[in-house]
Amino acid sequence: MKITTSILRKQLPFWGLMLTLLSTPLAQARDMTLADSFPLDHYLSREGTVYWMRRVTELTGGDLSFQHYPAEQIAKASEIMRRVQDGVVDVGYVGIGYVSDRMPLNGATMLPGVVRDSRRASLAYWSELQDPDSVYRKEFDKNGLVPVFAVLLPPYQVVLNRQAIDSPGDFKGLNLRSSGSLDLAVQALGASPVSMAAPDIYLALQRGTLDGTLLPVTSITPYRVDEVTSSVSTNGAFGSFAITVAMNASRYEALSDAQKHAIRQAGDETVRHLSEYEAEQVDQLLTHFKNEDIDVYAFSDATLQSMEHALEQNRR
């Protein structure tokens, strides 16, 4: 018994060291939750949230991994921000258009005429969100959130189930699906805004309930709107939509410096990747639409000037 006790005493420091080494990675590793509203086959999921999660896991060597809840499994798009604030999920999609009452200054990024080149606009917006003194970042701070990546969608275009618009007067009498600040743009141009969920656009265009909609080019095919479309503009600037993904601030502060650095790096990479992907998709989709006998056209300079004047008057 004395020999056994002696051996155990000699081995205790060894086993204590082993337990410490074995438990350290487990203590650092975290399985986090991320919720968004996008179907898995949507490019904003595949090239956005999924891309970001994968990069964070790679950059942390697996210390941070994610359980992904896509397609509004946790909450509707407009409620995901609340779930992040409540700590129900660690990270979530925050569509600024859904929460502009709580982030009005960020909502200004979506006004007509603000976004013309979504790549440059996305990089500029992301840079603002990294600046602790920026008014955009302060709104996230006020809501207990840390933005982890953000992009602005390509400018909204006029998508119609009829011939292309030749002059500003052609907007009069049209029923166009829009939402949020886009309603003001539609009204300023003389058309009637119709509030409608994006998945319902297809049937409304098919039945003639709608004459058209305002959508980014990249959002046309996910909702199969191209199947009931006759014309698409290419150089309008009717507004945009801010896609942001944010983390609960308390959860973020609990991470190590190395993990925070990985999240920032993954955010930088995702913004560059996703904004480049969007730009490439716009070019490819417009070519595809032409091949499908959809009239892909650009507004004349005179029409653009007249529309921008109407939109400017409306902003005042």
C-alpha atoms as a PDB file:
ATOM      1  CA  MET A   1       0.000   0.000   0.000  1.00  0.00           C
ATOM      2  CA  LYS A   2       2.840   2.394   0.783  1.00  0.00           C
ATOM      3  CA  ILE A   3       4.451   1.637  -2.612  1.00  0.00           C
ATOM      4  CA  THR A   4       1.148   2.259  -4.413  1.00  0.00           C
ATOM      5  CA  THR A   5       0.605   5.531  -2.590  1.00  0.00           C
ATOM      6  CA  SER A   6       4.116   6.636  -3.412  1.00  0.00           C
ATOM      7  CA  ILE A   7       3.669   5.831  -7.094  1.00  0.00           C
ATOM      8  CA  LEU A   8       0.360   7.696  -7.206  1.00  0.00           C
ATOM      9  CA  ARG A   9       1.946  10.741  -5.570  1.00  0.00           C
ATOM     10  CA  LYS A  10       4.687  10.737  -8.194  1.00  0.00           C
ATOM     11  CA  GLN A  11       2.183  10.385 -11.029  1.00  0.00           C
ATOM     12  CA  LEU A  12      -0.278  13.043  -9.830  1.00  0.00           C
ATOM     13  CA  PRO A  13       1.701  16.003 -11.298  1.00  0.00           C
ATOM     14  CA  PHE A  14       1.923  14.141 -14.629  1.00  0.00           C
ATOM     15  CA  TRP A  15      -1.785  13.415 -14.807  1.00  0.00           C
ATOM     16  CA  GLY A  16      -2.590  16.953 -13.686  1.00  0.00           C
ATOM     17  CA  LEU A  17      -0.503  18.303 -16.549  1.00  0.00           C
ATOM     18  CA  MET A  18      -2.180  15.959 -19.026  1.00  0.00           C
ATOM     19  CA  LEU A  19      -5.638  16.971 -17.872  1.00  0.00           C
ATOM     20  CA  THR A  20      -4.697  20.624 -18.230  1.00  0.00           C
ATOM     21  CA  LEU A  21      -3.375  20.110 -21.773  1.00  0.00           C
ATOM     22  CA  LEU A  22      -6.428  18.100 -22.780  1.00  0.00           C
ATOM     23  CA  SER A  23      -8.922  20.530 -21.313  1.00  0.00           C
ATOM     24  CA  THR A  24      -7.378  23.749 -22.660  1.00  0.00           C
ATOM     25  CA  PRO A  25      -8.534  23.392 -26.309  1.00  0.00           C
ATOM     26  CA  LEU A  26     -11.989  22.351 -25.129  1.00  0.00           C
ATOM     27  CA  ALA A  27     -12.252  25.423 -22.966  1.00  0.00           C
ATOM     28  CA  GLN A  28     -11.336  27.674 -25.911  1.00  0.00           C
ATOM     29  CA  ALA A  29     -13.508  25.943 -28.495  1.00  0.00           C
ATOM     30  CA  ARG A  30     -17.004  27.316 -28.919  1.00  0.00           C
ATOM     31  CA  ASP A  31     -19.915  26.120 -30.991  1.00  0.00           C
ATOM     32  CA  MET A  32     -21.842  29.262 -31.867  1.00  0.00           C
ATOM     33  CA  THR A  33     -25.253  29.708 -33.456  1.00  0.00           C
ATOM     34  CA  LEU A  34     -26.027  31.797 -36.534  1.00  0.00           C
ATOM     35  CA  ALA A  35     -29.524  32.533 -37.836  1.00  0.00           C
ATOM     36  CA  ASP A  36     -30.502  34.055 -41.178  1.00  0.00           C
ATOM     37  CA  SER A  37     -33.507  34.178 -43.482  1.00  0.00           C
ATOM     38  CA  PHE A  38     -31.882  32.896 -46.682  1.00  0.00           C
ATOM     39  CA  PRO A  39     -32.500  29.466 -48.231  1.00  0.00           C
ATOM     40  CA  LEU A  40     -29.262  27.496 -48.442  1.00  0.00           C
ATOM     41  CA  ASP A  41     -29.196  27.754 -52.235  1.00  0.00           C
ATOM     42  CA  HIS A  42     -29.465  31.579 -52.148  1.00  0.00           C
ATOM     43  CA  TYR A  43     -26.162  33.269 -52.990  1.00  0.00           C
ATOM     44  CA  LEU A  44     -26.389  35.468 -49.875  1.00  0.00           C
ATOM     45  CA  SER A  45     -26.248  32.258 -47.848  1.00  0.00           C
ATOM     46  CA  ARG A  46     -23.727  30.355 -49.939  1.00  0.00           C
ATOM     47  CA  GLU A  47     -21.359  33.251 -50.672  1.00  0.00           C
ATOM     48  CA  GLY A  48     -22.224  35.289 -47.575  1.00  0.00           C
ATOM     49  CA  THR A  49     -23.118  33.735 -44.220  1.00  0.00           C
ATOM     50  CA  VAL A  50     -21.820  30.232 -45.021  1.00  0.00           C
ATOM     51  CA  TYR A  51     -18.613  31.651 -46.524  1.00  0.00           C
ATOM     52  CA  TRP A  52     -18.058  33.780 -43.408  1.00  0.00           C
ATOM     53  CA  MET A  53     -18.681  30.911 -40.973  1.00  0.00           C
ATOM     54  CA  ARG A  54     -16.290  28.659 -42.860  1.00  0.00           C
ATOM     55  CA  ARG A  55     -13.544  31.305 -42.844  1.00  0.00           C
ATOM     56  CA  VAL A  56     -13.940  31.976 -39.107  1.00  0.00           C
ATOM     57  CA  THR A  57     -13.659  28.252 -38.371  1.00  0.00           C
ATOM     58  CA  GLU A  58     -10.587  27.947 -40.619  1.00  0.00           C
ATOM     59  CA  LEU A  59      -8.873  31.030 -39.187  1.00  0.00           C
ATOM     60  CA  THR A  60      -9.417  29.866 -35.597  1.00  0.00           C
ATOM     61  CA  GLY A  61      -8.266  26.326 -36.306  1.00  0.00           C
ATOM     62  CA  GLY A  62     -11.675  25.038 -35.290  1.00  0.00           C
ATOM     63  CA  ASP A  63     -11.830  26.931 -31.992  1.00  0.00           C
ATOM     64  CA  LEU A  64     -14.982  28.637 -33.278  1.00  0.00           C
ATOM     65  CA  SER A  65     -17.562  26.613 -35.185  1.00  0.00           C
ATOM     66  CA  PHE A  66     -21.209  27.232 -35.967  1.00  0.00           C
ATOM     67  CA  GLN A  67     -24.651  25.716 -35.907  1.00  0.00           C
ATOM     68  CA  HIS A  68     -26.461  27.335 -38.833  1.00  0.00           C
ATOM     69  CA  TYR A  69     -30.197  28.010 -38.801  1.00  0.00           C
ATOM     70  CA  PRO A  70     -31.116  29.268 -42.306  1.00  0.00           C
ATOM     71  CA  ALA A  71     -34.429  30.133 -43.963  1.00  0.00           C
ATOM     72  CA  GLU A  72     -36.050  31.785 -40.906  1.00  0.00           C
ATOM     73  CA  GLN A  73     -35.852  28.613 -38.799  1.00  0.00           C
ATOM     74  CA  ILE A  74     -35.237  30.693 -35.660  1.00  0.00           C
ATOM     75  CA  ALA A  75     -37.258  33.807 -36.485  1.00  0.00           C
ATOM     76  CA  LYS A  76     -38.612  35.887 -39.330  1.00  0.00           C
ATOM     77  CA  ALA A  77     -36.098  38.161 -41.028  1.00  0.00           C
ATOM     78  CA  SER A  78     -37.498  41.209 -39.236  1.00  0.00           C
ATOM     79  CA  GLU A  79     -37.122  39.536 -35.814  1.00  0.00           C
ATOM     80  CA  ILE A  80     -33.649  37.992 -36.050  1.00  0.00           C
ATOM     81  CA  MET A  81     -32.025  41.128 -34.643  1.00  0.00           C
ATOM     82  CA  ARG A  82     -34.118  40.730 -31.472  1.00  0.00           C
ATOM     83  CA  ARG A  83     -33.039  37.121 -31.121  1.00  0.00           C
ATOM     84  CA  VAL A  84     -29.377  38.185 -31.295  1.00  0.00           C
ATOM     85  CA  GLN A  85     -29.957  40.930 -28.729  1.00  0.00           C
ATOM     86  CA  ASP A  86     -31.761  38.465 -26.441  1.00  0.00           C
ATOM     87  CA  GLY A  87     -28.927  35.961 -26.763  1.00  0.00           C
ATOM     88  CA  VAL A  88     -31.149  33.305 -28.331  1.00  0.00           C
ATOM     89  CA  VAL A  89     -28.534  33.141 -31.097  1.00  0.00           C
ATOM     90  CA  ASP A  90     -24.968  34.413 -31.109  1.00  0.00           C
ATOM     91  CA  VAL A  91     -24.902  35.822 -34.630  1.00  0.00           C
ATOM     92  CA  GLY A  92     -27.714  36.804 -36.978  1.00  0.00           C
ATOM     93  CA  TYR A  93     -28.703  38.486 -40.215  1.00  0.00           C
ATOM     94  CA  VAL A  94     -29.822  42.068 -39.681  1.00  0.00           C
ATOM     95  CA  GLY A  95     -31.542  43.432 -42.773  1.00  0.00           C
ATOM     96  CA  ILE A  96     -31.364  47.178 -42.193  1.00  0.00           C
ATOM     97  CA  GLY A  97     -34.562  47.724 -44.139  1.00  0.00           C
ATOM     98  CA  TYR A  98     -36.409  45.641 -41.546  1.00  0.00           C
ATOM     99  CA  VAL A  99     -35.019  47.566 -38.563  1.00  0.00           C
ATOM    100  CA  SER A 100     -34.675  51.108 -39.929  1.00  0.00           C
ATOM    101  CA  ASP A 101     -36.763  52.396 -37.009  1.00  0.00           C
ATOM    102  CA  ARG A 102     -33.945  51.262 -34.698  1.00  0.00           C
ATOM    103  CA  MET A 103     -31.116  52.113 -37.116  1.00  0.00           C
ATOM    104  CA  PRO A 104     -32.351  55.131 -39.086  1.00  0.00           C
ATOM    105  CA  LEU A 105     -28.904  56.425 -40.039  1.00  0.00           C
ATOM    106  CA  ASN A 106     -27.886  53.049 -41.451  1.00  0.00           C
ATOM    107  CA  GLY A 107     -31.163  53.097 -43.356  1.00  0.00           C
ATOM    108  CA  ALA A 108     -29.954  56.146 -45.257  1.00  0.00           C
ATOM    109  CA  THR A 109     -27.581  53.898 -47.220  1.00  0.00           C
ATOM    110  CA  MET A 110     -30.599  52.467 -49.058  1.00  0.00           C
ATOM    111  CA  LEU A 111     -32.019  55.737 -50.400  1.00  0.00           C
ATOM    112  CA  PRO A 112     -32.334  56.183 -54.185  1.00  0.00           C
ATOM    113  CA  GLY A 113     -29.166  57.453 -55.830  1.00  0.00           C
ATOM    114  CA  VAL A 114     -26.845  56.534 -52.939  1.00  0.00           C
ATOM    115  CA  VAL A 115     -25.620  53.208 -54.363  1.00  0.00           C
ATOM    116  CA  ARG A 116     -24.515  53.129 -57.984  1.00  0.00           C
ATOM    117  CA  ASP A 117     -21.548  50.755 -57.759  1.00  0.00           C
ATOM    118  CA  SER A 118     -22.312  48.105 -55.131  1.00  0.00           C
ATOM    119  CA  ARG A 119     -18.667  46.993 -54.824  1.00  0.00           C
ATOM    120  CA  ARG A 120     -17.377  50.438 -53.931  1.00  0.00           C
ATOM    121  CA  ALA A 121     -20.427  51.186 -51.793  1.00  0.00           C
ATOM    122  CA  SER A 122     -20.061  47.921 -49.857  1.00  0.00           C
ATOM    123  CA  LEU A 123     -16.385  48.530 -49.092  1.00  0.00           C
ATOM    124  CA  ALA A 124     -17.116  52.110 -48.032  1.00  0.00           C
ATOM    125  CA  TYR A 125     -20.011  51.031 -45.798  1.00  0.00           C
ATOM    126  CA  TRP A 126     -17.960  48.240 -44.212  1.00  0.00           C
ATOM    127  CA  SER A 127     -15.135  50.698 -43.532  1.00  0.00           C
ATOM    128  CA  GLU A 128     -17.609  52.958 -41.712  1.00  0.00           C
ATOM    129  CA  LEU A 129     -18.840  50.050 -39.608  1.00  0.00           C
ATOM    130  CA  GLN A 130     -15.258  49.362 -38.480  1.00  0.00           C
ATOM    131  CA  ASP A 131     -14.814  52.927 -37.233  1.00  0.00           C
ATOM    132  CA  PRO A 132     -15.915  53.216 -33.570  1.00  0.00           C
ATOM    133  CA  ASP A 133     -16.587  56.934 -34.096  1.00  0.00           C
ATOM    134  CA  SER A 134     -18.821  56.397 -37.128  1.00  0.00           C
ATOM    135  CA  VAL A 135     -22.510  57.212 -36.686  1.00  0.00           C
ATOM    136  CA  TYR A 136     -23.315  53.934 -38.456  1.00  0.00           C
ATOM    137  CA  ARG A 137     -21.247  51.888 -36.003  1.00  0.00           C
ATOM    138  CA  LYS A 138     -22.658  53.736 -33.005  1.00  0.00           C
ATOM    139  CA  GLU A 139     -26.161  52.569 -33.910  1.00  0.00           C
ATOM    140  CA  PHE A 140     -24.965  48.959 -33.742  1.00  0.00           C
ATOM    141  CA  ASP A 141     -23.254  49.663 -30.408  1.00  0.00           C
ATOM    142  CA  LYS A 142     -26.433  51.227 -29.053  1.00  0.00           C
ATOM    143  CA  ASN A 143     -28.339  48.061 -29.945  1.00  0.00           C
ATOM    144  CA  GLY A 144     -25.783  45.758 -28.304  1.00  0.00           C
ATOM    145  CA  LEU A 145     -24.465  44.425 -31.607  1.00  0.00           C
ATOM    146  CA  VAL A 146     -21.099  44.032 -33.301  1.00  0.00           C
ATOM    147  CA  PRO A 147     -21.248  43.973 -37.116  1.00  0.00           C
ATOM    148  CA  VAL A 148     -19.212  41.061 -38.523  1.00  0.00           C
ATOM    149  CA  PHE A 149     -19.768  41.734 -42.228  1.00  0.00           C
ATOM    150  CA  ALA A 150     -21.960  43.915 -44.427  1.00  0.00           C
ATOM    151  CA  VAL A 151     -22.677  44.548 -48.092  1.00  0.00           C
ATOM    152  CA  LEU A 152     -25.045  46.715 -50.085  1.00  0.00           C
ATOM    153  CA  LEU A 153     -27.045  45.032 -52.824  1.00  0.00           C
ATOM    154  CA  PRO A 154     -26.681  46.157 -56.445  1.00  0.00           C
ATOM    155  CA  PRO A 155     -28.927  49.135 -57.286  1.00  0.00           C
ATOM    156  CA  TYR A 156     -32.595  48.286 -57.666  1.00  0.00           C
ATOM    157  CA  GLN A 157     -33.839  48.184 -61.262  1.00  0.00           C
ATOM    158  CA  VAL A 158     -37.276  48.386 -62.883  1.00  0.00           C
ATOM    159  CA  VAL A 159     -38.476  44.875 -63.741  1.00  0.00           C
ATOM    160  CA  LEU A 160     -41.685  44.849 -65.807  1.00  0.00           C
ATOM    161  CA  ASN A 161     -44.039  42.335 -67.380  1.00  0.00           C
ATOM    162  CA  ARG A 162     -44.424  44.782 -70.284  1.00  0.00           C
ATOM    163  CA  GLN A 163     -42.291  46.857 -72.637  1.00  0.00           C
ATOM    164  CA  ALA A 164     -39.404  49.000 -71.468  1.00  0.00           C
ATOM    165  CA  ILE A 165     -39.891  52.501 -70.109  1.00  0.00           C
ATOM    166  CA  ASP A 166     -38.944  55.217 -72.594  1.00  0.00           C
ATOM    167  CA  SER A 167     -39.732  58.303 -70.524  1.00  0.00           C
ATOM    168  CA  PRO A 168     -40.561  59.277 -66.929  1.00  0.00           C
ATOM    169  CA  GLY A 169     -44.216  59.574 -67.933  1.00  0.00           C
ATOM    170  CA  ASP A 170     -44.342  55.825 -68.554  1.00  0.00           C
ATOM    171  CA  PHE A 171     -44.310  55.243 -64.788  1.00  0.00           C
ATOM    172  CA  LYS A 172     -47.724  56.822 -64.338  1.00  0.00           C
ATOM    173  CA  GLY A 173     -50.433  54.305 -63.547  1.00  0.00           C
ATOM    174  CA  LEU A 174     -48.057  51.386 -62.962  1.00  0.00           C
ATOM    175  CA  ASN A 175     -48.432  49.164 -59.895  1.00  0.00           C
ATOM    176  CA  LEU A 176     -44.914  48.379 -58.697  1.00  0.00           C
ATOM    177  CA  ARG A 177     -43.986  46.156 -55.796  1.00  0.00           C
ATOM    178  CA  SER A 178     -41.675  47.951 -53.380  1.00  0.00           C
ATOM    179  CA  SER A 179     -40.995  48.302 -49.672  1.00  0.00           C
ATOM    180  CA  GLY A 180     -39.653  50.767 -47.128  1.00  0.00           C
ATOM    181  CA  SER A 181     -37.922  53.826 -48.578  1.00  0.00           C
ATOM    182  CA  LEU A 182     -38.504  52.443 -52.082  1.00  0.00           C
ATOM    183  CA  ASP A 183     -42.187  53.333 -51.700  1.00  0.00           C
ATOM    184  CA  LEU A 184     -41.206  57.004 -51.736  1.00  0.00           C
ATOM    185  CA  ALA A 185     -39.199  56.509 -54.913  1.00  0.00           C
ATOM    186  CA  VAL A 186     -42.099  54.759 -56.644  1.00  0.00           C
ATOM    187  CA  GLN A 187     -44.518  57.530 -55.647  1.00  0.00           C
ATOM    188  CA  ALA A 188     -42.096  60.253 -56.730  1.00  0.00           C
ATOM    189  CA  LEU A 189     -42.006  58.722 -60.201  1.00  0.00           C
ATOM    190  CA  GLY A 190     -45.798  58.669 -60.473  1.00  0.00           C
ATOM    191  CA  ALA A 191     -46.384  54.928 -59.966  1.00  0.00           C
ATOM    192  CA  SER A 192     -48.292  53.204 -57.161  1.00  0.00           C
ATOM    193  CA  PRO A 193     -46.270  51.223 -54.592  1.00  0.00           C
ATOM    194  CA  VAL A 194     -47.623  47.804 -53.658  1.00  0.00           C
ATOM    195  CA  SER A 195     -46.414  46.133 -50.475  1.00  0.00           C
ATOM    196  CA  MET A 196     -45.870  42.428 -51.040  1.00  0.00           C
ATOM    197  CA  ALA A 197     -43.556  39.639 -49.865  1.00  0.00           C
ATOM    198  CA  ALA A 198     -40.890  38.834 -52.447  1.00  0.00           C
ATOM    199  CA  PRO A 199     -42.044  35.203 -52.946  1.00  0.00           C
ATOM    200  CA  ASP A 200     -45.467  36.531 -54.034  1.00  0.00           C
ATOM    201  CA  ILE A 201     -44.103  38.691 -56.871  1.00  0.00           C
ATOM    202  CA  TYR A 202     -44.088  35.853 -59.410  1.00  0.00           C
ATOM    203  CA  LEU A 203     -47.799  35.088 -59.178  1.00  0.00           C
ATOM    204  CA  ALA A 204     -48.778  38.776 -59.043  1.00  0.00           C
ATOM    205  CA  LEU A 205     -46.845  39.506 -62.236  1.00  0.00           C
ATOM    206  CA  GLN A 206     -48.261  36.422 -63.891  1.00  0.00           C
ATOM    207  CA  ARG A 207     -51.836  37.443 -63.042  1.00  0.00           C
ATOM    208  CA  GLY A 208     -51.298  41.096 -63.865  1.00  0.00           C
ATOM    209  CA  THR A 209     -51.950  42.278 -60.309  1.00  0.00           C
ATOM    210  CA  LEU A 210     -48.531  43.890 -60.582  1.00  0.00           C
ATOM    211  CA  ASP A 211     -47.066  45.635 -63.602  1.00  0.00           C
ATOM    212  CA  GLY A 212     -43.602  45.220 -62.235  1.00  0.00           C
ATOM    213  CA  THR A 213     -41.284  45.460 -59.273  1.00  0.00           C
ATOM    214  CA  LEU A 214     -38.093  47.122 -58.127  1.00  0.00           C
ATOM    215  CA  LEU A 215     -35.397  44.505 -57.523  1.00  0.00           C
ATOM    216  CA  PRO A 216     -31.635  44.127 -57.705  1.00  0.00           C
ATOM    217  CA  VAL A 217     -30.670  42.092 -60.770  1.00  0.00           C
ATOM    218  CA  THR A 218     -29.265  39.407 -58.455  1.00  0.00           C
ATOM    219  CA  SER A 219     -32.671  38.904 -56.812  1.00  0.00           C
ATOM    220  CA  ILE A 220     -34.623  38.293 -60.016  1.00  0.00           C
ATOM    221  CA  THR A 221     -33.803  34.624 -60.614  1.00  0.00           C
ATOM    222  CA  PRO A 222     -34.016  33.419 -56.974  1.00  0.00           C
ATOM    223  CA  TYR A 223     -37.709  34.349 -57.058  1.00  0.00           C
ATOM    224  CA  ARG A 224     -38.157  33.144 -60.692  1.00  0.00           C
ATOM    225  CA  VAL A 225     -39.335  36.613 -61.652  1.00  0.00           C
ATOM    226  CA  ASP A 226     -37.447  36.331 -64.951  1.00  0.00           C
ATOM    227  CA  GLU A 227     -40.044  33.767 -66.078  1.00  0.00           C
ATOM    228  CA  VAL A 228     -42.761  36.469 -66.085  1.00  0.00           C
ATOM    229  CA  THR A 229     -40.612  39.448 -67.081  1.00  0.00           C
ATOM    230  CA  SER A 230     -40.503  41.304 -70.391  1.00  0.00           C
ATOM    231  CA  SER A 231     -38.015  44.088 -69.630  1.00  0.00           C
ATOM    232  CA  VAL A 232     -35.261  44.963 -67.141  1.00  0.00           C
ATOM    233  CA  SER A 233     -33.428  48.279 -66.749  1.00  0.00           C
ATOM    234  CA  THR A 234     -29.680  48.321 -66.160  1.00  0.00           C
ATOM    235  CA  ASN A 235     -28.654  51.821 -65.078  1.00  0.00           C
ATOM    236  CA  GLY A 236     -31.307  52.852 -62.584  1.00  0.00           C
ATOM    237  CA  ALA A 237     -30.355  53.798 -59.041  1.00  0.00           C
ATOM    238  CA  PHE A 238     -33.668  53.367 -57.252  1.00  0.00           C
ATOM    239  CA  GLY A 239     -32.147  52.376 -53.947  1.00  0.00           C
ATOM    240  CA  SER A 240     -30.394  49.412 -52.408  1.00  0.00           C
ATOM    241  CA  PHE A 241     -30.663  47.141 -49.385  1.00  0.00           C
ATOM    242  CA  ALA A 242     -28.106  46.827 -46.609  1.00  0.00           C
ATOM    243  CA  ILE A 243     -27.271  43.212 -45.767  1.00  0.00           C
ATOM    244  CA  THR A 244     -25.514  43.047 -42.395  1.00  0.00           C
ATOM    245  CA  VAL A 245     -24.651  40.172 -40.100  1.00  0.00           C
ATOM    246  CA  ALA A 246     -24.039  41.038 -36.479  1.00  0.00           C
ATOM    247  CA  MET A 247     -22.990  39.356 -33.245  1.00  0.00           C
ATOM    248  CA  ASN A 248     -24.278  39.793 -29.716  1.00  0.00           C
ATOM    249  CA  ALA A 249     -21.821  42.298 -28.183  1.00  0.00           C
ATOM    250  CA  SER A 250     -21.475  40.418 -24.880  1.00  0.00           C
ATOM    251  CA  ARG A 251     -20.695  37.158 -26.693  1.00  0.00           C
ATOM    252  CA  TYR A 252     -18.134  38.967 -28.824  1.00  0.00           C
ATOM    253  CA  GLU A 253     -16.379  40.527 -25.819  1.00  0.00           C
ATOM    254  CA  ALA A 254     -16.102  37.097 -24.198  1.00  0.00           C
ATOM    255  CA  LEU A 255     -13.920  35.851 -27.074  1.00  0.00           C
ATOM    256  CA  SER A 256     -10.137  35.839 -27.022  1.00  0.00           C
ATOM    257  CA  ASP A 257      -8.172  38.481 -28.918  1.00  0.00           C
ATOM    258  CA  ALA A 258      -7.153  35.863 -31.484  1.00  0.00           C
ATOM    259  CA  GLN A 259     -10.783  34.872 -32.059  1.00  0.00           C
ATOM    260  CA  LYS A 260     -11.835  38.505 -32.430  1.00  0.00           C
ATOM    261  CA  HIS A 261      -9.060  39.039 -34.959  1.00  0.00           C
ATOM    262  CA  ALA A 262     -10.251  36.005 -36.933  1.00  0.00           C
ATOM    263  CA  ILE A 263     -13.806  37.374 -36.993  1.00  0.00           C
ATOM    264  CA  ARG A 264     -12.585  40.744 -38.274  1.00  0.00           C
ATOM    265  CA  GLN A 265     -10.402  39.120 -40.932  1.00  0.00           C
ATOM    266  CA  ALA A 266     -13.233  36.837 -42.037  1.00  0.00           C
ATOM    267  CA  GLY A 267     -15.482  39.890 -42.260  1.00  0.00           C
ATOM    268  CA  ASP A 268     -13.028  41.763 -44.483  1.00  0.00           C
ATOM    269  CA  GLU A 269     -12.662  38.749 -46.750  1.00  0.00           C
ATOM    270  CA  THR A 270     -16.410  38.133 -46.942  1.00  0.00           C
ATOM    271  CA  VAL A 271     -17.205  41.729 -47.878  1.00  0.00           C
ATOM    272  CA  ARG A 272     -14.661  41.645 -50.715  1.00  0.00           C
ATOM    273  CA  HIS A 273     -15.735  38.189 -51.889  1.00  0.00           C
ATOM    274  CA  LEU A 274     -19.488  38.792 -51.749  1.00  0.00           C
ATOM    275  CA  SER A 275     -19.431  42.239 -53.366  1.00  0.00           C
ATOM    276  CA  GLU A 276     -17.224  40.918 -56.202  1.00  0.00           C
ATOM    277  CA  TYR A 277     -19.503  37.923 -56.626  1.00  0.00           C
ATOM    278  CA  GLU A 278     -22.556  40.186 -56.877  1.00  0.00           C
ATOM    279  CA  ALA A 279     -20.948  42.339 -59.559  1.00  0.00           C
ATOM    280  CA  GLU A 280     -20.006  39.287 -61.622  1.00  0.00           C
ATOM    281  CA  GLN A 281     -23.496  37.878 -61.247  1.00  0.00           C
ATOM    282  CA  VAL A 282     -25.107  41.093 -62.500  1.00  0.00           C
ATOM    283  CA  ASP A 283     -23.120  40.904 -65.757  1.00  0.00           C
ATOM    284  CA  GLN A 284     -23.829  37.199 -66.219  1.00  0.00           C
ATOM    285  CA  LEU A 285     -27.526  37.526 -65.447  1.00  0.00           C
ATOM    286  CA  LEU A 286     -28.073  40.421 -67.823  1.00  0.00           C
ATOM    287  CA  THR A 287     -26.493  38.346 -70.605  1.00  0.00           C
ATOM    288  CA  HIS A 288     -28.731  35.421 -69.638  1.00  0.00           C
ATOM    289  CA  PHE A 289     -31.844  37.622 -69.737  1.00  0.00           C
ATOM    290  CA  LYS A 290     -30.939  38.871 -73.207  1.00  0.00           C
ATOM    291  CA  ASN A 291     -30.609  35.274 -74.366  1.00  0.00           C
ATOM    292  CA  GLU A 292     -34.083  34.622 -72.952  1.00  0.00           C
ATOM    293  CA  ASP A 293     -35.495  37.445 -75.113  1.00  0.00           C
ATOM    294  CA  ILE A 294     -36.005  39.802 -72.192  1.00  0.00           C
ATOM    295  CA  ASP A 295     -35.506  43.438 -73.200  1.00  0.00           C
ATOM    296  CA  VAL A 296     -32.432  44.539 -71.244  1.00  0.00           C
ATOM    297  CA  TYR A 297     -32.111  48.297 -71.682  1.00  0.00           C
ATOM    298  CA  ALA A 298     -30.532  51.453 -70.301  1.00  0.00           C
ATOM    299  CA  PHE A 299     -32.446  54.636 -69.557  1.00  0.00           C
ATOM    300  CA  SER A 300     -31.488  57.574 -71.738  1.00  0.00           C
ATOM    301  CA  ASP A 301     -29.535  60.421 -70.167  1.00  0.00           C
ATOM    302  CA  ALA A 302     -32.587  62.664 -70.407  1.00  0.00           C
ATOM    303  CA  THR A 303     -34.812  60.102 -68.662  1.00  0.00           C
ATOM    304  CA  LEU A 304     -32.220  59.525 -65.940  1.00  0.00           C
ATOM    305  CA  GLN A 305     -31.892  63.246 -65.326  1.00  0.00           C
ATOM    306  CA  SER A 306     -35.657  63.674 -65.082  1.00  0.00           C
ATOM    307  CA  MET A 307     -36.035  60.702 -62.690  1.00  0.00           C
ATOM    308  CA  GLU A 308     -33.171  61.854 -60.491  1.00  0.00           C
ATOM    309  CA  HIS A 309     -34.729  65.318 -60.302  1.00  0.00           C
ATOM    310  CA  ALA A 310     -38.043  63.787 -59.166  1.00  0.00           C
ATOM    311  CA  LEU A 311     -36.288  61.629 -56.582  1.00  0.00           C
ATOM    312  CA  GLU A 312     -34.242  64.580 -55.323  1.00  0.00           C
ATOM    313  CA  GLN A 313     -37.381  66.691 -54.919  1.00  0.00           C
ATOM    314  CA  ASN A 314     -38.959  63.835 -52.956  1.00  0.00           C
ATOM    315  CA  ARG A 315     -35.978  63.604 -50.555  1.00  0.00           C
ATOM    316  CA  ARG A 316     -36.460  67.273 -49.680  1.00  0.00           C
END
